[in-house]
Structure formats: C-alpha cells, structure tokens
Protein backbone atom coordinates (compact mmCIF):
# COMPACT_ATOMS: atom_id res chain seq x y z
CA UNK A 1 -21.85 -0.54 -0.97
CA UNK A 2 -20.14 -2.95 -3.36
CA UNK A 3 -23.20 -2.96 -5.61
CA UNK A 4 -23.54 0.82 -5.44
CA UNK A 5 -19.87 1.13 -6.45
CA UNK A 6 -20.39 -1.09 -9.50
CA UNK A 7 -23.00 1.31 -10.76
CA UNK A 8 -21.14 4.48 -9.69
CA UNK A 9 -17.93 3.47 -11.48
CA UNK A 10 -19.75 3.30 -14.79
CA UNK A 11 -21.46 6.65 -14.39
CA UNK A 12 -18.18 8.46 -13.72
CA UNK A 13 -15.47 9.69 -16.05
CA UNK A 14 -12.70 8.98 -13.57
CA UNK A 15 -13.71 6.03 -11.37
CA UNK A 16 -13.15 2.38 -12.15
CA UNK A 17 -9.63 2.97 -13.51
CA UNK A 18 -10.71 5.68 -15.96
CA UNK A 19 -8.57 8.42 -14.35
CA UNK A 20 -5.39 6.45 -15.00
CA UNK A 21 -6.63 5.57 -18.49
CA UNK A 22 -7.19 9.25 -19.26
CA UNK A 23 -3.74 10.13 -17.92
CA UNK A 24 -1.93 7.60 -20.14
CA UNK A 25 0.78 7.51 -21.33
CA UNK A 26 1.78 9.64 -18.35
CA UNK A 27 2.80 7.71 -15.22
CA UNK A 28 0.41 7.82 -12.27
CA UNK A 29 1.44 7.52 -8.65
CA UNK A 30 -1.62 6.59 -6.61
CA UNK A 31 -1.30 7.30 -2.84
CA UNK A 32 -4.15 5.53 -1.14
CA UNK A 33 -5.71 6.00 2.28
CA UNK A 34 -7.78 2.82 2.71
CA UNK A 35 -11.14 2.69 4.42
CA UNK A 36 -12.01 -0.64 2.81
CA UNK A 37 -11.49 -3.89 4.68
CA UNK A 38 -8.91 -6.00 2.87
CA UNK A 39 -7.56 -2.88 1.04
CA UNK A 40 -9.22 -3.77 -2.27
CA UNK A 41 -7.76 -1.11 -4.59
CA UNK A 42 -10.67 -1.30 -7.05
CA UNK A 43 -13.08 -0.46 -4.19
CA UNK A 44 -11.18 2.31 -2.38
CA UNK A 45 -12.70 5.60 -3.72
CA UNK A 46 -14.13 3.39 -6.49
CA UNK A 47 -10.60 2.74 -7.84
CA UNK A 48 -9.78 5.75 -10.07
CA UNK A 49 -6.27 4.40 -10.72
CA UNK A 50 -6.80 0.66 -10.56
CA UNK A 51 -8.24 -1.87 -13.03
CA UNK A 52 -11.87 -2.59 -12.33
CA UNK A 53 -12.79 -6.13 -11.30
CA UNK A 54 -16.50 -5.80 -11.99
CA UNK A 55 -18.23 -6.28 -15.35
CA UNK A 56 -21.06 -4.77 -17.40
CA UNK A 57 -23.18 -7.83 -16.88
CA UNK A 58 -22.85 -7.50 -13.11
CA UNK A 59 -23.90 -3.86 -13.24
CA UNK A 60 -26.94 -4.62 -15.38
CA UNK A 61 -27.96 -7.44 -13.06
CA UNK A 62 -27.94 -4.99 -10.15
CA UNK A 63 -30.25 -2.69 -12.13
CA UNK A 64 -32.66 -5.60 -12.65
CA UNK A 65 -32.32 -6.83 -9.04
CA UNK A 66 -33.53 -3.52 -7.57
CA UNK A 67 -35.80 -2.52 -10.42
CA UNK A 68 -33.88 0.74 -10.94
CA UNK A 69 -35.58 3.20 -13.34
CA UNK A 70 -32.72 4.79 -15.27
CA UNK A 71 -32.77 7.19 -18.19
CA UNK A 72 -31.67 5.63 -21.51
CA UNK A 73 -28.42 7.59 -21.45
CA UNK A 74 -27.50 6.10 -18.09
CA UNK A 75 -28.27 2.57 -19.23
CA UNK A 76 -25.97 3.12 -22.23
CA UNK A 77 -23.25 4.42 -19.91
CA UNK A 78 -23.50 1.24 -17.84
CA UNK A 79 -22.81 -0.82 -20.97
CA UNK A 80 -19.40 0.81 -21.51
CA UNK A 81 -16.80 -1.48 -19.97
CA UNK A 82 -14.25 -0.14 -17.51
CA UNK A 83 -10.45 -0.67 -17.90
CA UNK A 84 -9.33 -4.19 -17.01
CA UNK A 85 -5.59 -3.59 -17.42
CA UNK A 86 -3.46 -0.51 -16.62
CA UNK A 87 0.32 -0.41 -17.10
CA UNK A 88 1.01 3.19 -16.10
CA UNK A 89 0.14 3.10 -12.37
CA UNK A 90 2.21 2.64 -9.22
CA UNK A 91 0.27 2.40 -5.93
CA UNK A 92 1.26 3.12 -2.32
CA UNK A 93 -1.12 2.40 0.54
CA UNK A 94 -0.32 5.25 2.98
CA UNK A 95 -2.66 4.18 5.68
CA UNK A 96 -5.20 1.45 6.52
CA UNK A 97 -6.78 -0.38 9.43
CA UNK A 98 -3.73 -2.67 9.40
CA UNK A 99 -1.40 0.26 10.04
CA UNK A 100 -3.82 1.59 12.67
CA UNK A 101 -3.74 -1.74 14.54
CA UNK A 102 0.03 -2.01 14.16
CA UNK A 103 0.55 1.41 15.66
CA UNK A 104 -1.73 0.60 18.61
CA UNK A 105 0.01 -2.77 19.06
CA UNK A 106 3.41 -1.08 19.10
CA UNK A 107 2.33 1.49 21.71
CA UNK A 108 0.78 -1.16 23.93
CA UNK A 109 3.98 -3.22 23.73
CA UNK A 110 6.07 -0.18 24.69
CA UNK A 111 3.80 0.28 27.74
CA UNK A 112 4.57 -3.27 28.90
CA UNK A 113 1.58 -5.20 27.58
CA UNK A 114 1.87 -8.48 25.70
CA UNK A 115 -0.18 -8.00 22.51
CA UNK A 116 -2.47 -10.13 20.42
CA UNK A 117 -4.01 -8.83 17.18
CA UNK A 118 -7.05 -11.02 16.45
CA UNK A 119 -8.17 -9.57 13.12
CA UNK A 120 -8.18 -6.45 10.93
CA UNK A 121 -11.29 -7.50 9.00
CA UNK A 122 -14.06 -7.78 11.61
CA UNK A 123 -17.41 -6.99 10.03
CA UNK A 124 -20.15 -8.54 12.19
CA UNK A 125 -22.82 -6.77 14.27
CA UNK A 126 -21.32 -4.33 16.76
CA UNK A 127 -22.91 -5.88 19.87
CA UNK A 128 -21.64 -9.32 18.79
CA UNK A 129 -18.11 -7.95 18.51
CA UNK A 130 -18.48 -6.44 22.00
CA UNK A 131 -19.75 -9.71 23.46
CA UNK A 132 -16.91 -11.61 21.78
CA UNK A 133 -14.27 -9.33 23.21
CA UNK A 134 -15.84 -9.68 26.65
CA UNK A 135 -15.62 -13.46 26.35
CA UNK A 136 -11.89 -13.09 25.58
CA UNK A 137 -11.52 -11.01 28.77
CA UNK A 138 -13.28 -13.66 30.85
CA UNK A 139 -11.08 -16.38 29.42
CA UNK A 140 -7.93 -14.36 30.11
CA UNK A 141 -9.04 -13.89 33.69
CA UNK A 142 -9.93 -17.60 34.14
CA UNK A 143 -7.02 -19.29 32.36
CA UNK A 144 -4.50 -16.77 31.02
CA UNK A 145 -5.47 -17.76 27.47
CA UNK A 146 -5.07 -16.77 24.67
CA UNK A 147 -2.51 -14.41 26.18
CA UNK A 148 -1.57 -13.87 29.83
CA UNK A 149 -1.87 -10.50 31.59
CA UNK A 150 -0.72 -7.83 31.38
CA UNK A 151 -2.03 -7.99 27.83
CA UNK A 152 -3.64 -5.99 25.07
CA UNK A 153 -6.00 -7.76 22.64
CA UNK A 154 -6.77 -5.81 19.49
CA UNK A 155 -9.48 -6.01 16.86
CA UNK A 156 -9.76 -3.89 13.70
CA UNK A 157 -12.41 -3.55 11.06
CA UNK A 158 -15.85 -2.05 10.75
CA UNK A 159 -18.98 -3.48 12.31
CA UNK A 160 -22.63 -2.73 11.64
CA UNK A 161 -25.61 -1.76 13.78
CA UNK A 162 -29.12 -3.00 13.05
CA UNK A 163 -31.39 -0.17 14.14
CA UNK A 164 -34.39 -1.38 16.13
CA UNK A 165 -34.73 1.44 18.68
CA UNK A 166 -34.96 5.23 18.46
CA UNK A 167 -31.88 6.10 20.53
CA UNK A 168 -28.58 7.75 19.68
CA UNK A 169 -25.22 6.06 19.24
CA UNK A 170 -22.72 4.44 16.89
CA UNK A 171 -21.16 1.07 16.24
CA UNK A 172 -18.15 1.61 18.51
CA UNK A 173 -20.34 2.80 21.33
CA UNK A 174 -22.45 -0.30 20.90
CA UNK A 175 -19.34 -2.52 21.01
CA UNK A 176 -18.29 -0.82 24.28
CA UNK A 177 -21.67 -1.11 25.90
CA UNK A 178 -22.16 -4.76 24.90
CA UNK A 179 -18.67 -5.51 26.24
CA UNK A 180 -19.46 -3.72 29.52
CA UNK A 181 -22.20 -6.26 30.25
CA UNK A 182 -19.83 -9.15 29.54
CA UNK A 183 -16.95 -7.88 31.69
CA UNK A 184 -19.17 -6.90 34.59
CA UNK A 185 -17.37 -7.41 37.88
CA UNK A 186 -13.93 -8.14 36.33
CA UNK A 187 -11.10 -6.21 37.94
CA UNK A 188 -8.32 -4.51 36.00
CA UNK A 189 -10.09 -4.98 32.68
CA UNK A 190 -11.00 -2.14 30.30
CA UNK A 191 -12.18 -1.96 26.69
CA UNK A 192 -11.86 0.94 24.25
CA UNK A 193 -13.59 1.04 20.88
CA UNK A 194 -13.17 3.99 18.55
CA UNK A 195 -13.64 5.14 14.99
CA UNK A 196 -10.47 6.48 13.44
CA UNK A 197 -12.31 9.49 11.96
CA UNK A 198 -13.37 10.66 15.41
CA UNK A 199 -17.04 10.40 14.52
CA UNK A 200 -19.01 7.28 15.53
CA UNK A 201 -22.45 7.26 13.97
CA UNK A 202 -24.39 10.54 13.99
CA UNK A 203 -22.69 11.68 17.20
CA UNK A 204 -19.81 13.86 18.41
CA UNK A 205 -18.11 10.87 20.04
CA UNK A 206 -15.36 8.71 18.57
CA UNK A 207 -16.47 5.71 20.58
CA UNK A 208 -16.64 4.36 24.13
CA UNK A 209 -14.46 3.28 27.04
CA UNK A 210 -15.78 0.81 29.63
CA UNK A 211 -14.53 -1.41 32.45
CA UNK A 212 -15.77 -3.98 34.89
CA UNK A 213 -17.75 -1.34 36.85
CA UNK A 214 -19.57 0.29 33.95
CA UNK A 215 -22.63 -1.94 33.98
CA UNK A 216 -23.11 -1.53 37.74
CA UNK A 217 -22.57 2.22 37.46
CA UNK A 218 -25.38 2.41 34.89
CA UNK A 219 -27.71 0.39 37.09
CA UNK A 220 -26.88 2.72 39.96
CA UNK A 221 -28.13 5.57 37.76
CA UNK A 222 -31.38 3.66 37.12
CA UNK A 223 -30.35 2.57 33.60
CA UNK A 224 -30.30 -1.03 32.38
CA UNK A 225 -27.52 -1.72 29.83
CA UNK A 226 -29.68 -4.29 28.02
CA UNK A 227 -32.52 -1.76 27.66
CA UNK A 228 -30.08 0.82 26.37
CA UNK A 229 -28.75 -1.54 23.72
CA UNK A 230 -32.28 -2.55 22.76
CA UNK A 231 -33.09 1.08 22.12
CA UNK A 232 -29.78 1.68 20.30
CA UNK A 233 -29.10 4.44 22.81
CA UNK A 234 -25.46 3.71 23.61
CA UNK A 235 -24.47 7.38 23.39
CA UNK A 236 -26.76 8.52 26.20
CA UNK A 237 -25.91 5.45 28.28
CA UNK A 238 -22.16 5.93 28.04
CA UNK A 239 -22.50 9.70 28.47
CA UNK A 240 -24.37 9.15 31.74
CA UNK A 241 -21.47 7.13 33.24
CA UNK A 242 -18.54 9.03 31.71
CA UNK A 243 -17.78 6.40 29.10
CA UNK A 244 -17.78 8.47 25.91
CA UNK A 245 -14.51 9.11 24.08
CA UNK A 246 -14.62 12.49 22.31
CA UNK A 247 -11.63 13.43 20.14
CA UNK A 248 -13.21 15.66 17.53
CA UNK A 249 -12.86 14.90 13.80
CA UNK A 250 -9.42 13.52 12.98
CA UNK A 251 -9.48 14.35 9.27
CA UNK A 252 -8.81 10.73 8.30
CA UNK A 253 -10.64 7.41 8.11
CA UNK A 254 -9.04 3.98 8.28
CA UNK A 255 -11.97 2.08 9.91
CA UNK A 256 -12.21 1.24 13.63
CA UNK A 257 -10.14 -0.13 16.47
CA UNK A 258 -11.22 -2.09 19.54
CA UNK A 259 -8.67 -2.55 22.31
CA UNK A 260 -9.06 -4.84 25.36
CA UNK A 261 -6.62 -4.30 28.21
CA UNK A 262 -6.15 -6.78 31.08
CA UNK A 263 -3.65 -6.18 33.87
C-alpha cells in the first residue's frame, strides 16, 4: 500500500500535499481520522494537506520494480515533485487506533479490570497475534504476570491473513479462532477481536468472541479448529459455535482491537 500511494499521489491533483498547496494562501484545517498505523499524516488518505515524504526517484523505481506499462503522460506526471513544505496547514487527529484502545482501556478500568495496553501497532499474521494473546492468557493464569487478574490486556493495530484455503473469514475472526486453541480449558478467560468499521474481511461480522470452551465446542460439532484455520474458514467455524460478533457497519475505521479478559 505504501508503494501504491507513492504512485497515486503523483497522479492526483490533490493528494501528496497538493490540496493544501492549491488552497494557499488560505489557511487549511485538516481534521484527520487515521486508519494508518503510527498515524503518518503523509499516508492517511495519501496526505492531501501534508508535505509528502516520498520522492520522484522512489516512484520511478516502483514503476521499474513491477514493470508497469504507463502511458507517456502518466510517466511525465510521476516526474512532477510533490510539495515538501507547507506553512498554511493545521492538523488535528480526531480518531485513531490509539484513541480506540484508550477508550476500551478506560471502560475496562471502570468495570474493575486492571489494564495493560501491549501495542497499538501490531501488524503480524492474524493467527500469530491470536496465539500470542493466548500465551499471555496462559502466563496470567500460571503466574499472574504481566498483570494479575482481574485484568484486561489490549492490542491494537491491523494484522494480515495469508490465504491458503477457500473458506470465509477475516483477520479478527482468525485472531479469535487461533486464540481459542491456545486458551482451551482455561476458566474465566475470554478474547474479543473486532474491526472498528464493523466489517471483518468479506463478511458481515466485525470479528469474533471466544473463551476456554470454544475449541471443545467446535470439536463437539465435529469441527477441528486447526482444520478451520488451515482452510481460512473462521467465519463458518465461529458461526457454528456462536462466536461471531456482528455490529453492522460503524461508518468509521480506526483499525482493529483485540481484548483479552481474565477474571
């Protein structure tokens, strides 16, 4: 996506800081809803009101790297540099995965849970994130570390799914299903993983909710969680055991939240 944005900025009249450049000398107030990890202003919506950190040389290298066949006019457009300085812009980040995690942390604290926010920039494979959160749950149960129950452990960001099967699901559903295998048999442990836009992958679910009984419940239905993950069929697996979270579209997007609760 970073490489795509480098090209896209240069083929647009408003991206890559050009909107603010066109508006000058008028002042621009940029109110940003961030769906980019780390809140890089030159990447969010391709940065229409922020100086562009990429260069012409980088854009042309991307064209060569992928052997893109572009019309001469597009090649010439790529050679026009984007603004590197803008002095007429003020920026406010109105929402981000950081604010999402902070709100969840505040609510958990009000409900009596000790909280631990691990990261707001997780970006590994979804099933790895699920397995990692399950390992945290097992450690909490065994030793009370890194935080003693009752506790809420939070993780924000946006993971990926490498498609190998032909099933149906999304990254948050895969996190939940992978975690279900790792917390199998643990009492008073639950994990929720959701997309803030209410749509996880090509499904109508926002994500999944599992506990220490989920894996056994699936096996009782004749379904093996490992086989479900191998087929990337987390939607149907969670649906079978009542583990889908369906909110409907929320109208916003500030990445994803995973929440582990231990009582």
